Amino acid sequence: MSLTVQTEQRADMVVVSVAGELDMATAPQLQDQISDLLEKGRTRLVFDLAEVSFCDSTGLSVFVRAKNSTDDAGGTVRLAAPQRGVLRILEVSGLVEVLRTYPTVDEAVSAQEALD
């Protein structure tokens, strides 16, 4: 299955909407998009995962790298609306404690705005 990645600017954040399966074959596509955003100085990222049907360890590593890169630049990474299977992987891996996860994109954006 393929992966679709779209971005939308919301205030000083970028919502990155991801759809499809995030695995070894498709993770580089998302990583390239993230790298482009970081090169443009976009360091506050919210990943909308509502349409991600599958995520393996390679996909998880993309989010960890994004968090490390944005942290180094004074930014943030938020995950939003993961489906049950993706949320379970985040929980089992312990990454739900590292990558802030919210039920909706709006809640993730609002949480960031509250910190500003």
PDB file of N, CA and C in Angstrom:
ATOM      1  N   MET A   1       0.844  -1.184   0.000  1.00  0.00           N
ATOM      2  CA  MET A   1       0.000   0.000   0.000  1.00  0.00           C
ATOM      3  C   MET A   1       0.886   1.243   0.000  1.00  0.00           C
ATOM      4  N   SER A   2       0.377   2.294  -0.541  1.00  0.00           N
ATOM      5  CA  SER A   2       1.150   3.528  -0.619  1.00  0.00           C
ATOM      6  C   SER A   2       0.888   4.416   0.592  1.00  0.00           C
ATOM      7  N   LEU A   3       1.652   5.478   0.653  1.00  0.00           N
ATOM      8  CA  LEU A   3       1.531   6.450   1.733  1.00  0.00           C
ATOM      9  C   LEU A   3       1.268   7.810   1.107  1.00  0.00           C
ATOM     10  N   THR A   4       0.345   8.545   1.696  1.00  0.00           N
ATOM     11  CA  THR A   4       0.059   9.907   1.260  1.00  0.00           C
ATOM     12  C   THR A   4       0.401  10.841   2.403  1.00  0.00           C
ATOM     13  N   VAL A   5       1.110  11.914   2.089  1.00  0.00           N
ATOM     14  CA  VAL A   5       1.493  12.898   3.095  1.00  0.00           C
ATOM     15  C   VAL A   5       1.095  14.275   2.595  1.00  0.00           C
ATOM     16  N   GLN A   6       0.322  14.989   3.412  1.00  0.00           N
ATOM     17  CA  GLN A   6      -0.084  16.356   3.088  1.00  0.00           C
ATOM     18  C   GLN A   6       0.227  17.243   4.279  1.00  0.00           C
ATOM     19  N   THR A   7       0.553  18.501   3.993  1.00  0.00           N
ATOM     20  CA  THR A   7       0.849  19.435   5.077  1.00  0.00           C
ATOM     21  C   THR A   7      -0.083  20.630   5.015  1.00  0.00           C
ATOM     22  N   GLU A   8      -0.364  21.170   6.192  1.00  0.00           N
ATOM     23  CA  GLU A   8      -1.227  22.346   6.318  1.00  0.00           C
ATOM     24  C   GLU A   8      -0.666  23.226   7.427  1.00  0.00           C
ATOM     25  N   GLN A   9      -0.466  24.482   7.118  1.00  0.00           N
ATOM     26  CA  GLN A   9       0.018  25.439   8.110  1.00  0.00           C
ATOM     27  C   GLN A   9      -1.143  25.847   9.014  1.00  0.00           C
ATOM     28  N   ARG A  10      -0.927  25.782  10.331  1.00  0.00           N
ATOM     29  CA  ARG A  10      -1.925  26.241  11.308  1.00  0.00           C
ATOM     30  C   ARG A  10      -1.189  27.059  12.346  1.00  0.00           C
ATOM     31  N   ALA A  11      -1.387  28.365  12.276  1.00  0.00           N
ATOM     32  CA  ALA A  11      -0.648  29.304  13.125  1.00  0.00           C
ATOM     33  C   ALA A  11       0.839  29.070  12.879  1.00  0.00           C
ATOM     34  N   ASP A  12       1.614  28.823  13.930  1.00  0.00           N
ATOM     35  CA  ASP A  12       3.047  28.580  13.720  1.00  0.00           C
ATOM     36  C   ASP A  12       3.373  27.085  13.725  1.00  0.00           C
ATOM     37  N   MET A  13       2.353  26.264  13.535  1.00  0.00           N
ATOM     38  CA  MET A  13       2.538  24.819  13.488  1.00  0.00           C
ATOM     39  C   MET A  13       2.230  24.295  12.094  1.00  0.00           C
ATOM     40  N   VAL A  14       2.761  23.125  11.800  1.00  0.00           N
ATOM     41  CA  VAL A  14       2.434  22.440  10.556  1.00  0.00           C
ATOM     42  C   VAL A  14       1.760  21.127  10.921  1.00  0.00           C
ATOM     43  N   VAL A  15       0.553  20.930  10.395  1.00  0.00           N
ATOM     44  CA  VAL A  15      -0.135  19.652  10.560  1.00  0.00           C
ATOM     45  C   VAL A  15       0.267  18.783   9.371  1.00  0.00           C
ATOM     46  N   VAL A  16       0.856  17.644   9.679  1.00  0.00           N
ATOM     47  CA  VAL A  16       1.299  16.693   8.665  1.00  0.00           C
ATOM     48  C   VAL A  16       0.310  15.534   8.689  1.00  0.00           C
ATOM     49  N   SER A  17      -0.545  15.470   7.678  1.00  0.00           N
ATOM     50  CA  SER A  17      -1.553  14.411   7.607  1.00  0.00           C
ATOM     51  C   SER A  17      -0.976  13.234   6.834  1.00  0.00           C
ATOM     52  N   VAL A  18      -0.988  12.083   7.479  1.00  0.00           N
ATOM     53  CA  VAL A  18      -0.396  10.877   6.910  1.00  0.00           C
ATOM     54  C   VAL A  18      -1.517   9.862   6.706  1.00  0.00           C
ATOM     55  N   ALA A  19      -1.534   9.215   5.539  1.00  0.00           N
ATOM     56  CA  ALA A  19      -2.563   8.215   5.254  1.00  0.00           C
ATOM     57  C   ALA A  19      -1.925   7.004   4.593  1.00  0.00           C
ATOM     58  N   GLY A  20      -2.354   5.820   5.017  1.00  0.00           N
ATOM     59  CA  GLY A  20      -1.842   4.583   4.442  1.00  0.00           C
ATOM     60  C   GLY A  20      -1.044   3.790   5.450  1.00  0.00           C
ATOM     61  N   GLU A  21      -0.141   2.960   4.939  1.00  0.00           N
ATOM     62  CA  GLU A  21       0.703   2.127   5.790  1.00  0.00           C
ATOM     63  C   GLU A  21       2.076   2.762   5.918  1.00  0.00           C
ATOM     64  N   LEU A  22       2.521   2.905   7.158  1.00  0.00           N
ATOM     65  CA  LEU A  22       3.830   3.494   7.433  1.00  0.00           C
ATOM     66  C   LEU A  22       4.768   2.364   7.837  1.00  0.00           C
ATOM     67  N   ASP A  23       5.599   1.948   6.900  1.00  0.00           N
ATOM     68  CA  ASP A  23       6.491   0.815   7.135  1.00  0.00           C
ATOM     69  C   ASP A  23       7.840   1.056   6.465  1.00  0.00           C
ATOM     70  N   MET A  24       8.644   0.010   6.386  1.00  0.00           N
ATOM     71  CA  MET A  24       9.990   0.135   5.839  1.00  0.00           C
ATOM     72  C   MET A  24       9.970   0.683   4.409  1.00  0.00           C
ATOM     73  N   ALA A  25       8.964   0.336   3.644  1.00  0.00           N
ATOM     74  CA  ALA A  25       8.894   0.778   2.253  1.00  0.00           C
ATOM     75  C   ALA A  25       8.462   2.235   2.121  1.00  0.00           C
ATOM     76  N   THR A  26       7.630   2.708   3.035  1.00  0.00           N
ATOM     77  CA  THR A  26       7.058   4.054   2.890  1.00  0.00           C
ATOM     78  C   THR A  26       7.640   5.086   3.843  1.00  0.00           C
ATOM     79  N   ALA A  27       8.307   4.647   4.899  1.00  0.00           N
ATOM     80  CA  ALA A  27       8.859   5.586   5.888  1.00  0.00           C
ATOM     81  C   ALA A  27       9.804   6.620   5.276  1.00  0.00           C
ATOM     82  N   PRO A  28      10.647   6.250   4.296  1.00  0.00           N
ATOM     83  CA  PRO A  28      11.533   7.270   3.716  1.00  0.00           C
ATOM     84  C   PRO A  28      10.777   8.445   3.087  1.00  0.00           C
ATOM     85  N   GLN A  29       9.608   8.185   2.549  1.00  0.00           N
ATOM     86  CA  GLN A  29       8.795   9.262   1.968  1.00  0.00           C
ATOM     87  C   GLN A  29       8.406  10.278   3.045  1.00  0.00           C
ATOM     88  N   LEU A  30       7.961   9.793   4.193  1.00  0.00           N
ATOM     89  CA  LEU A  30       7.599  10.690   5.288  1.00  0.00           C
ATOM     90  C   LEU A  30       8.842  11.382   5.835  1.00  0.00           C
ATOM     91  N   GLN A  31       9.933  10.643   5.955  1.00  0.00           N
ATOM     92  CA  GLN A  31      11.175  11.239   6.452  1.00  0.00           C
ATOM     93  C   GLN A  31      11.633  12.383   5.549  1.00  0.00           C
ATOM     94  N   ASP A  32      11.503  12.217   4.241  1.00  0.00           N
ATOM     95  CA  ASP A  32      11.876  13.284   3.301  1.00  0.00           C
ATOM     96  C   ASP A  32      11.022  14.527   3.510  1.00  0.00           C
ATOM     97  N   GLN A  33       9.727  14.338   3.719  1.00  0.00           N
ATOM     98  CA  GLN A  33       8.823  15.473   3.967  1.00  0.00           C
ATOM     99  C   GLN A  33       9.219  16.202   5.246  1.00  0.00           C
ATOM    100  N   ILE A  34       9.530  15.441   6.282  1.00  0.00           N
ATOM    101  CA  ILE A  34       9.931  16.041   7.558  1.00  0.00           C
ATOM    102  C   ILE A  34      11.235  16.812   7.384  1.00  0.00           C
ATOM    103  N   SER A  35      12.180  16.223   6.681  1.00  0.00           N
ATOM    104  CA  SER A  35      13.459  16.901   6.444  1.00  0.00           C
ATOM    105  C   SER A  35      13.255  18.219   5.715  1.00  0.00           C
ATOM    106  N   ASP A  36      12.366  18.225   4.721  1.00  0.00           N
ATOM    107  CA  ASP A  36      12.058  19.462   3.989  1.00  0.00           C
ATOM    108  C   ASP A  36      11.481  20.519   4.927  1.00  0.00           C
ATOM    109  N   LEU A  37      10.571  20.111   5.798  1.00  0.00           N
ATOM    110  CA  LEU A  37       9.973  21.056   6.745  1.00  0.00           C
ATOM    111  C   LEU A  37      11.030  21.623   7.687  1.00  0.00           C
ATOM    112  N   LEU A  38      11.887  20.765   8.201  1.00  0.00           N
ATOM    113  CA  LEU A  38      12.920  21.216   9.132  1.00  0.00           C
ATOM    114  C   LEU A  38      13.901  22.167   8.452  1.00  0.00           C
ATOM    115  N   GLU A  39      14.236  21.890   7.198  1.00  0.00           N
ATOM    116  CA  GLU A  39      15.130  22.778   6.448  1.00  0.00           C
ATOM    117  C   GLU A  39      14.518  24.162   6.265  1.00  0.00           C
ATOM    118  N   LYS A  40      13.195  24.219   6.226  1.00  0.00           N
ATOM    119  CA  LYS A  40      12.487  25.498   6.080  1.00  0.00           C
ATOM    120  C   LYS A  40      12.229  26.165   7.428  1.00  0.00           C
ATOM    121  N   GLY A  41      12.746  25.569   8.499  1.00  0.00           N
ATOM    122  CA  GLY A  41      12.578  26.150   9.826  1.00  0.00           C
ATOM    123  C   GLY A  41      11.262  25.818  10.494  1.00  0.00           C
ATOM    124  N   ARG A  42      10.537  24.868   9.957  1.00  0.00           N
ATOM    125  CA  ARG A  42       9.264  24.439  10.547  1.00  0.00           C
ATOM    126  C   ARG A  42       9.561  23.367  11.588  1.00  0.00           C
ATOM    127  N   THR A  43       9.535  23.759  12.855  1.00  0.00           N
ATOM    128  CA  THR A  43       9.938  22.836  13.924  1.00  0.00           C
ATOM    129  C   THR A  43       8.811  22.502  14.895  1.00  0.00           C
ATOM    130  N   ARG A  44       7.612  22.970  14.611  1.00  0.00           N
ATOM    131  CA  ARG A  44       6.452  22.615  15.436  1.00  0.00           C
ATOM    132  C   ARG A  44       5.521  21.790  14.567  1.00  0.00           C
ATOM    133  N   LEU A  45       5.544  20.492  14.801  1.00  0.00           N
ATOM    134  CA  LEU A  45       4.845  19.555  13.928  1.00  0.00           C
ATOM    135  C   LEU A  45       3.780  18.775  14.686  1.00  0.00           C
ATOM    136  N   VAL A  46       2.612  18.664  14.069  1.00  0.00           N
ATOM    137  CA  VAL A  46       1.535  17.809  14.564  1.00  0.00           C
ATOM    138  C   VAL A  46       1.274  16.780  13.473  1.00  0.00           C
ATOM    139  N   PHE A  47       1.441  15.512  13.806  1.00  0.00           N
ATOM    140  CA  PHE A  47       1.193  14.444  12.848  1.00  0.00           C
ATOM    141  C   PHE A  47      -0.223  13.916  13.036  1.00  0.00           C
ATOM    142  N   ASP A  48      -1.046  14.088  12.011  1.00  0.00           N
ATOM    143  CA  ASP A  48      -2.410  13.567  12.010  1.00  0.00           C
ATOM    144  C   ASP A  48      -2.345  12.125  11.509  1.00  0.00           C
ATOM    145  N   LEU A  49      -2.584  11.188  12.413  1.00  0.00           N
ATOM    146  CA  LEU A  49      -2.445   9.763  12.101  1.00  0.00           C
ATOM    147  C   LEU A  49      -3.789   9.060  11.915  1.00  0.00           C
ATOM    148  N   ALA A  50      -4.860   9.816  11.778  1.00  0.00           N
ATOM    149  CA  ALA A  50      -6.202   9.226  11.693  1.00  0.00           C
ATOM    150  C   ALA A  50      -6.342   8.236  10.541  1.00  0.00           C
ATOM    151  N   GLU A  51      -5.588   8.447   9.473  1.00  0.00           N
ATOM    152  CA  GLU A  51      -5.709   7.581   8.298  1.00  0.00           C
ATOM    153  C   GLU A  51      -4.539   6.607   8.147  1.00  0.00           C
ATOM    154  N   VAL A  52      -3.723   6.476   9.193  1.00  0.00           N
ATOM    155  CA  VAL A  52      -2.622   5.503   9.154  1.00  0.00           C
ATOM    156  C   VAL A  52      -3.173   4.164   9.628  1.00  0.00           C
ATOM    157  N   SER A  53      -3.194   3.197   8.726  1.00  0.00           N
ATOM    158  CA  SER A  53      -3.787   1.896   9.046  1.00  0.00           C
ATOM    159  C   SER A  53      -2.788   0.922   9.655  1.00  0.00           C
ATOM    160  N   PHE A  54      -1.486   1.198   9.481  1.00  0.00           N
ATOM    161  CA  PHE A  54      -0.449   0.300   9.993  1.00  0.00           C
ATOM    162  C   PHE A  54       0.827   1.101  10.194  1.00  0.00           C
ATOM    163  N   CYS A  55       1.568   0.764  11.242  1.00  0.00           N
ATOM    164  CA  CYS A  55       2.857   1.409  11.496  1.00  0.00           C
ATOM    165  C   CYS A  55       3.784   0.383  12.127  1.00  0.00           C
ATOM    166  N   ASP A  56       4.954   0.176  11.515  1.00  0.00           N
ATOM    167  CA  ASP A  56       5.929  -0.744  12.098  1.00  0.00           C
ATOM    168  C   ASP A  56       7.041   0.043  12.788  1.00  0.00           C
ATOM    169  N   SER A  57       8.073  -0.654  13.230  1.00  0.00           N
ATOM    170  CA  SER A  57       9.146   0.007  13.976  1.00  0.00           C
ATOM    171  C   SER A  57       9.885   1.045  13.137  1.00  0.00           C
ATOM    172  N   THR A  58       9.955   0.833  11.839  1.00  0.00           N
ATOM    173  CA  THR A  58      10.594   1.826  10.975  1.00  0.00           C
ATOM    174  C   THR A  58       9.783   3.111  10.970  1.00  0.00           C
ATOM    175  N   GLY A  59       8.481   2.975  10.925  1.00  0.00           N
ATOM    176  CA  GLY A  59       7.612   4.147  10.989  1.00  0.00           C
ATOM    177  C   GLY A  59       7.746   4.868  12.312  1.00  0.00           C
ATOM    178  N   LEU A  60       7.786   4.109  13.400  1.00  0.00           N
ATOM    179  CA  LEU A  60       7.962   4.722  14.719  1.00  0.00           C
ATOM    180  C   LEU A  60       9.269   5.495  14.796  1.00  0.00           C
ATOM    181  N   SER A  61      10.310   4.947  14.185  1.00  0.00           N
ATOM    182  CA  SER A  61      11.612   5.619  14.246  1.00  0.00           C
ATOM    183  C   SER A  61      11.587   6.966  13.537  1.00  0.00           C
ATOM    184  N   VAL A  62      10.735   7.124  12.538  1.00  0.00           N
ATOM    185  CA  VAL A  62      10.603   8.423  11.865  1.00  0.00           C
ATOM    186  C   VAL A  62      10.109   9.470  12.858  1.00  0.00           C
ATOM    187  N   PHE A  63       9.142   9.106  13.682  1.00  0.00           N
ATOM    188  CA  PHE A  63       8.615  10.055  14.671  1.00  0.00           C
ATOM    189  C   PHE A  63       9.644  10.365  15.753  1.00  0.00           C
ATOM    190  N   VAL A  64      10.407   9.360  16.160  1.00  0.00           N
ATOM    191  CA  VAL A  64      11.449   9.586  17.168  1.00  0.00           C
ATOM    192  C   VAL A  64      12.518  10.525  16.616  1.00  0.00           C
ATOM    193  N   ARG A  65      12.952  10.289  15.371  1.00  0.00           N
ATOM    194  CA  ARG A  65      13.941  11.190  14.755  1.00  0.00           C
ATOM    195  C   ARG A  65      13.385  12.598  14.625  1.00  0.00           C
ATOM    196  N   ALA A  66      12.111  12.708  14.250  1.00  0.00           N
ATOM    197  CA  ALA A  66      11.491  14.035  14.130  1.00  0.00           C
ATOM    198  C   ALA A  66      11.484  14.737  15.478  1.00  0.00           C
ATOM    199  N   LYS A  67      11.146  13.993  16.530  1.00  0.00           N
ATOM    200  CA  LYS A  67      11.133  14.594  17.865  1.00  0.00           C
ATOM    201  C   LYS A  67      12.525  15.065  18.262  1.00  0.00           C
ATOM    202  N   ASN A  68      13.523  14.234  18.046  1.00  0.00           N
ATOM    203  CA  ASN A  68      14.892  14.613  18.397  1.00  0.00           C
ATOM    204  C   ASN A  68      15.341  15.853  17.629  1.00  0.00           C
ATOM    205  N   SER A  69      15.026  15.896  16.346  1.00  0.00           N
ATOM    206  CA  SER A  69      15.423  17.047  15.522  1.00  0.00           C
ATOM    207  C   SER A  69      14.701  18.317  15.942  1.00  0.00           C
ATOM    208  N   THR A  70      13.402  18.212  16.207  1.00  0.00           N
ATOM    209  CA  THR A  70      12.661  19.413  16.602  1.00  0.00           C
ATOM    210  C   THR A  70      13.052  19.860  18.002  1.00  0.00           C
ATOM    211  N   ASP A  71      13.303  18.911  18.901  1.00  0.00           N
ATOM    212  CA  ASP A  71      13.763  19.274  20.249  1.00  0.00           C
ATOM    213  C   ASP A  71      15.061  20.072  20.171  1.00  0.00           C
ATOM    214  N   ASP A  72      15.983  19.612  19.333  1.00  0.00           N
ATOM    215  CA  ASP A  72      17.271  20.296  19.181  1.00  0.00           C
ATOM    216  C   ASP A  72      17.095  21.716  18.653  1.00  0.00           C
ATOM    217  N   ALA A  73      16.025  21.940  17.893  1.00  0.00           N
ATOM    218  CA  ALA A  73      15.772  23.253  17.291  1.00  0.00           C
ATOM    219  C   ALA A  73      14.776  24.083  18.102  1.00  0.00           C
ATOM    220  N   GLY A  74      14.395  23.592  19.286  1.00  0.00           N
ATOM    221  CA  GLY A  74      13.444  24.324  20.119  1.00  0.00           C
ATOM    222  C   GLY A  74      11.995  24.147  19.714  1.00  0.00           C
ATOM    223  N   GLY A  75      11.710  23.108  18.940  1.00  0.00           N
ATOM    224  CA  GLY A  75      10.349  22.862  18.478  1.00  0.00           C
ATOM    225  C   GLY A  75       9.687  21.714  19.221  1.00  0.00           C
ATOM    226  N   THR A  76       8.619  21.194  18.627  1.00  0.00           N
ATOM    227  CA  THR A  76       7.863  20.108  19.249  1.00  0.00           C
ATOM    228  C   THR A  76       7.301  19.165  18.194  1.00  0.00           C
ATOM    229  N   VAL A  77       6.996  17.959  18.639  1.00  0.00           N
ATOM    230  CA  VAL A  77       6.268  16.984  17.830  1.00  0.00           C
ATOM    231  C   VAL A  77       5.088  16.512  18.655  1.00  0.00           C
ATOM    232  N   ARG A  78       3.930  16.479  18.026  1.00  0.00           N
ATOM    233  CA  ARG A  78       2.711  15.955  18.636  1.00  0.00           C
ATOM    234  C   ARG A  78       2.115  14.930  17.672  1.00  0.00           C
ATOM    235  N   LEU A  79       1.564  13.860  18.209  1.00  0.00           N
ATOM    236  CA  LEU A  79       0.837  12.884  17.408  1.00  0.00           C
ATOM    237  C   LEU A  79      -0.642  13.048  17.705  1.00  0.00           C
ATOM    238  N   ALA A  80      -1.466  12.921  16.674  1.00  0.00           N
ATOM    239  CA  ALA A  80      -2.898  13.118  16.869  1.00  0.00           C
ATOM    240  C   ALA A  80      -3.704  12.026  16.177  1.00  0.00           C
ATOM    241  N   ALA A  81      -4.768  11.626  16.835  1.00  0.00           N
ATOM    242  CA  ALA A  81      -5.802  10.744  16.298  1.00  0.00           C
ATOM    243  C   ALA A  81      -5.312   9.401  15.763  1.00  0.00           C
ATOM    244  N   PRO A  82      -4.379   8.736  16.457  1.00  0.00           N
ATOM    245  CA  PRO A  82      -3.954   7.429  15.947  1.00  0.00           C
ATOM    246  C   PRO A  82      -5.084   6.407  16.062  1.00  0.00           C
ATOM    247  N   GLN A  83      -5.186   5.551  15.056  1.00  0.00           N
ATOM    248  CA  GLN A  83      -6.148   4.456  15.124  1.00  0.00           C
ATOM    249  C   GLN A  83      -5.717   3.492  16.223  1.00  0.00           C
ATOM    250  N   ARG A  84      -6.642   2.648  16.644  1.00  0.00           N
ATOM    251  CA  ARG A  84      -6.400   1.748  17.774  1.00  0.00           C
ATOM    252  C   ARG A  84      -5.114   0.930  17.616  1.00  0.00           C
ATOM    253  N   GLY A  85      -4.886   0.360  16.441  1.00  0.00           N
ATOM    254  CA  GLY A  85      -3.696  -0.465  16.232  1.00  0.00           C
ATOM    255  C   GLY A  85      -2.404   0.321  16.353  1.00  0.00           C
ATOM    256  N   VAL A  86      -2.395   1.529  15.806  1.00  0.00           N
ATOM    257  CA  VAL A  86      -1.204   2.377  15.886  1.00  0.00           C
ATOM    258  C   VAL A  86      -0.985   2.832  17.328  1.00  0.00           C
ATOM    259  N   LEU A  87      -2.056   3.194  18.012  1.00  0.00           N
ATOM    260  CA  LEU A  87      -1.943   3.596  19.412  1.00  0.00           C
ATOM    261  C   LEU A  87      -1.390   2.449  20.254  1.00  0.00           C
ATOM    262  N   ARG A  88      -1.831   1.244  19.969  1.00  0.00           N
ATOM    263  CA  ARG A  88      -1.352   0.074  20.712  1.00  0.00           C
ATOM    264  C   ARG A  88       0.158  -0.106  20.533  1.00  0.00           C
ATOM    265  N   ILE A  89       0.648   0.085  19.314  1.00  0.00           N
ATOM    266  CA  ILE A  89       2.089  -0.024  19.054  1.00  0.00           C
ATOM    267  C   ILE A  89       2.844   1.044  19.831  1.00  0.00           C
ATOM    268  N   LEU A  90       2.306   2.250  19.875  1.00  0.00           N
ATOM    269  CA  LEU A  90       2.936   3.326  20.645  1.00  0.00           C
ATOM    270  C   LEU A  90       2.975   2.975  22.130  1.00  0.00           C
ATOM    271  N   GLU A  91       1.894   2.374  22.627  1.00  0.00           N
ATOM    272  CA  GLU A  91       1.830   1.996  24.041  1.00  0.00           C
ATOM    273  C   GLU A  91       2.811   0.872  24.363  1.00  0.00           C
ATOM    274  N   VAL A  92       2.804  -0.176  23.562  1.00  0.00           N
ATOM    275  CA  VAL A  92       3.658  -1.339  23.809  1.00  0.00           C
ATOM    276  C   VAL A  92       5.138  -0.961  23.728  1.00  0.00           C
ATOM    277  N   SER A  93       5.469  -0.072  22.805  1.00  0.00           N
ATOM    278  CA  SER A  93       6.868   0.341  22.632  1.00  0.00           C
ATOM    279  C   SER A  93       7.321   1.340  23.694  1.00  0.00           C
ATOM    280  N   GLY A  94       6.362   1.883  24.436  1.00  0.00           N
ATOM    281  CA  GLY A  94       6.690   2.898  25.433  1.00  0.00           C
ATOM    282  C   GLY A  94       6.796   4.296  24.856  1.00  0.00           C
ATOM    283  N   LEU A  95       6.605   4.429  23.556  1.00  0.00           N
ATOM    284  CA  LEU A  95       6.746   5.740  22.917  1.00  0.00           C
ATOM    285  C   LEU A  95       5.593   6.685  23.218  1.00  0.00           C
ATOM    286  N   VAL A  96       4.483   6.146  23.696  1.00  0.00           N
ATOM    287  CA  VAL A  96       3.368   7.019  24.062  1.00  0.00           C
ATOM    288  C   VAL A  96       3.779   7.941  25.212  1.00  0.00           C
ATOM    289  N   GLU A  97       4.805   7.539  25.962  1.00  0.00           N
ATOM    290  CA  GLU A  97       5.323   8.376  27.049  1.00  0.00           C
ATOM    291  C   GLU A  97       6.297   9.434  26.532  1.00  0.00           C
ATOM    292  N   VAL A  98       6.881   9.184  25.374  1.00  0.00           N
ATOM    293  CA  VAL A  98       7.893  10.076  24.799  1.00  0.00           C
ATOM    294  C   VAL A  98       7.283  11.034  23.779  1.00  0.00           C
ATOM    295  N   LEU A  99       6.388  10.512  22.974  1.00  0.00           N
ATOM    296  CA  LEU A  99       5.740  11.294  21.921  1.00  0.00           C
ATOM    297  C   LEU A  99       4.343  11.676  22.394  1.00  0.00           C
ATOM    298  N   ARG A 100       4.139  12.926  22.669  1.00  0.00           N
ATOM    299  CA  ARG A 100       2.831  13.356  23.174  1.00  0.00           C
ATOM    300  C   ARG A 100       1.757  13.051  22.140  1.00  0.00           C
ATOM    301  N   THR A 101       0.716  12.372  22.610  1.00  0.00           N
ATOM    302  CA  THR A 101      -0.329  11.873  21.729  1.00  0.00           C
ATOM    303  C   THR A 101      -1.682  12.397  22.191  1.00  0.00           C
ATOM    304  N   TYR A 102      -2.484  12.854  21.227  1.00  0.00           N
ATOM    305  CA  TYR A 102      -3.780  13.469  21.520  1.00  0.00           C
ATOM    306  C   TYR A 102      -4.871  12.796  20.691  1.00  0.00           C
ATOM    307  N   PRO A 103      -6.108  12.805  21.196  1.00  0.00           N
ATOM    308  CA  PRO A 103      -7.210  12.162  20.474  1.00  0.00           C
ATOM    309  C   PRO A 103      -7.551  12.834  19.144  1.00  0.00           C
ATOM    310  N   THR A 104      -7.317  14.150  19.045  1.00  0.00           N
ATOM    311  CA  THR A 104      -7.648  14.876  17.817  1.00  0.00           C
ATOM    312  C   THR A 104      -6.541  15.864  17.464  1.00  0.00           C
ATOM    313  N   VAL A 105      -6.539  16.289  16.220  1.00  0.00           N
ATOM    314  CA  VAL A 105      -5.589  17.315  15.775  1.00  0.00           C
ATOM    315  C   VAL A 105      -5.850  18.611  16.522  1.00  0.00           C
ATOM    316  N   ASP A 106      -7.110  18.982  16.657  1.00  0.00           N
ATOM    317  CA  ASP A 106      -7.436  20.234  17.352  1.00  0.00           C
ATOM    318  C   ASP A 106      -6.903  20.243  18.778  1.00  0.00           C
ATOM    319  N   GLU A 107      -7.001  19.111  19.470  1.00  0.00           N
ATOM    320  CA  GLU A 107      -6.482  19.039  20.841  1.00  0.00           C
ATOM    321  C   GLU A 107      -4.961  19.151  20.863  1.00  0.00           C
ATOM    322  N   ALA A 108      -4.299  18.564  19.890  1.00  0.00           N
ATOM    323  CA  ALA A 108      -2.839  18.663  19.814  1.00  0.00           C
ATOM    324  C   ALA A 108      -2.412  20.104  19.546  1.00  0.00           C
ATOM    325  N   VAL A 109      -3.108  20.767  18.638  1.00  0.00           N
ATOM    326  CA  VAL A 109      -2.802  22.170  18.320  1.00  0.00           C
ATOM    327  C   VAL A 109      -3.085  23.051  19.530  1.00  0.00           C
ATOM    328  N   SER A 110      -4.225  22.840  20.174  1.00  0.00           N
ATOM    329  CA  SER A 110      -4.588  23.642  21.352  1.00  0.00           C
ATOM    330  C   SER A 110      -3.589  23.455  22.488  1.00  0.00           C
ATOM    331  N   ALA A 111      -3.120  22.226  22.682  1.00  0.00           N
ATOM    332  CA  ALA A 111      -2.142  21.963  23.742  1.00  0.00           C
ATOM    333  C   ALA A 111      -0.857  22.741  23.484  1.00  0.00           C
ATOM    334  N   GLN A 112      -0.449  22.811  22.234  1.00  0.00           N
ATOM    335  CA  GLN A 112       0.756  23.566  21.905  1.00  0.00           C
ATOM    336  C   GLN A 112       0.520  25.061  22.093  1.00  0.00           C
ATOM    337  N   GLU A 113      -0.628  25.542  21.643  1.00  0.00           N
ATOM    338  CA  GLU A 113      -0.938  26.967  21.785  1.00  0.00           C
ATOM    339  C   GLU A 113      -0.984  27.374  23.251  1.00  0.00           C
ATOM    340  N   ALA A 114      -1.441  26.467  24.118  1.00  0.00           N
ATOM    341  CA  ALA A 114      -1.524  26.769  25.550  1.00  0.00           C
ATOM    342  C   ALA A 114      -0.141  26.961  26.164  1.00  0.00           C
ATOM    343  N   LEU A 115       0.875  26.357  25.561  1.00  0.00           N
ATOM    344  CA  LEU A 115       2.240  26.489  26.066  1.00  0.00           C
ATOM    345  C   LEU A 115       2.896  27.795  25.635  1.00  0.00           C
ATOM    346  N   ASP A 116       2.373  28.382  24.581  1.00  0.00           N
ATOM    347  CA  ASP A 116       2.971  29.627  24.051  1.00  0.00           C
ATOM    348  C   ASP A 116       2.660  30.826  24.907  1.00  0.00           C
TER     349      ASP A 116
END
